[in-house]
Amino acid sequence: MHCCEQVHRISDAESEAVSESVRRSIAYFFHPDGDFVIRCLDGSDTYQPVTDDEFYASRASEILQYD
């Protein structure tokens, strides 16, 4: 079985011109009820509304593909 890790990008503090400030990151995981409907925040129809259960089922099938 092949699992893919999630890509995370962290910019260099030097390039952000904030080298004198302290930077901290906190992981935040949110998992609503399965029947919660996920929609575009801007009200557009770029993506069709989908329930949380449908979304995570589709992500799981993409991530947990067998090679």
Protein backbone atom coordinates (compact mmCIF):
# COMPACT_ATOMS: atom_id res chain seq x y z
CA MET A 1 0.00 0.00 0.00
CA HIS A 2 1.23 3.49 -0.83
CA CYS A 3 0.28 6.54 1.24
CA CYS A 4 1.08 10.11 0.33
CA GLU A 5 1.95 12.74 2.88
CA GLN A 6 0.34 16.15 2.77
CA VAL A 7 2.55 18.87 1.28
CA HIS A 8 3.27 21.75 3.66
CA ARG A 9 5.12 24.88 2.65
CA ILE A 10 6.83 27.14 5.15
CA SER A 11 8.49 30.32 3.94
CA ASP A 12 11.87 31.47 5.16
CA ALA A 13 11.60 34.21 7.79
CA GLU A 14 14.57 36.04 6.25
CA SER A 15 12.79 36.39 2.92
CA GLU A 16 9.63 37.59 4.67
CA ALA A 17 11.51 40.44 6.39
CA VAL A 18 10.30 39.27 9.79
CA SER A 19 13.59 37.82 10.97
CA GLU A 20 13.41 39.65 14.32
CA SER A 21 9.98 38.30 15.27
CA VAL A 22 9.23 34.86 16.67
CA ARG A 23 7.22 32.58 14.43
CA ARG A 24 5.20 29.68 15.77
CA SER A 25 2.99 27.16 13.97
CA ILE A 26 0.13 25.17 15.42
CA ALA A 27 -1.56 22.30 13.62
CA TYR A 28 -5.34 22.62 13.59
CA PHE A 29 -7.51 19.73 12.51
CA PHE A 30 -11.21 20.23 11.83
CA HIS A 31 -13.59 17.40 11.10
CA PRO A 32 -17.30 18.33 11.00
CA ASP A 33 -20.24 15.94 11.21
CA GLY A 34 -20.57 13.66 8.17
CA ASP A 35 -23.73 15.31 6.90
CA PHE A 36 -22.22 18.82 7.00
CA VAL A 37 -22.34 20.36 3.50
CA ILE A 38 -19.12 21.97 2.25
CA ARG A 39 -19.64 24.87 -0.17
CA CYS A 40 -17.44 27.58 -1.75
CA LEU A 41 -17.02 30.48 0.67
CA ASP A 42 -17.47 33.08 -2.07
CA GLY A 43 -20.86 31.65 -3.08
CA SER A 44 -19.62 30.62 -6.52
CA ASP A 45 -20.32 27.29 -8.17
CA THR A 46 -16.63 26.59 -8.87
CA TYR A 47 -17.04 23.31 -6.97
CA GLN A 48 -20.27 21.43 -6.38
CA PRO A 49 -21.44 21.25 -2.74
CA VAL A 50 -20.42 17.99 -1.10
CA THR A 51 -21.00 16.47 2.33
CA ASP A 52 -18.08 15.93 4.66
CA ASP A 53 -18.49 12.15 4.35
CA GLU A 54 -18.38 12.36 0.54
CA PHE A 55 -15.34 14.64 0.59
CA TYR A 56 -13.30 12.44 2.94
CA ALA A 57 -14.30 9.28 1.09
CA SER A 58 -13.01 10.76 -2.17
CA ARG A 59 -9.77 11.97 -0.51
CA ALA A 60 -9.22 8.56 1.10
CA SER A 61 -9.64 6.80 -2.25
CA GLU A 62 -7.07 9.19 -3.82
CA ILE A 63 -4.55 8.84 -0.99
CA LEU A 64 -4.88 5.11 -0.30
CA GLN A 65 -4.36 3.86 -3.83
CA TYR A 66 -2.52 0.60 -4.24
CA ASP A 67 0.49 0.61 -6.53
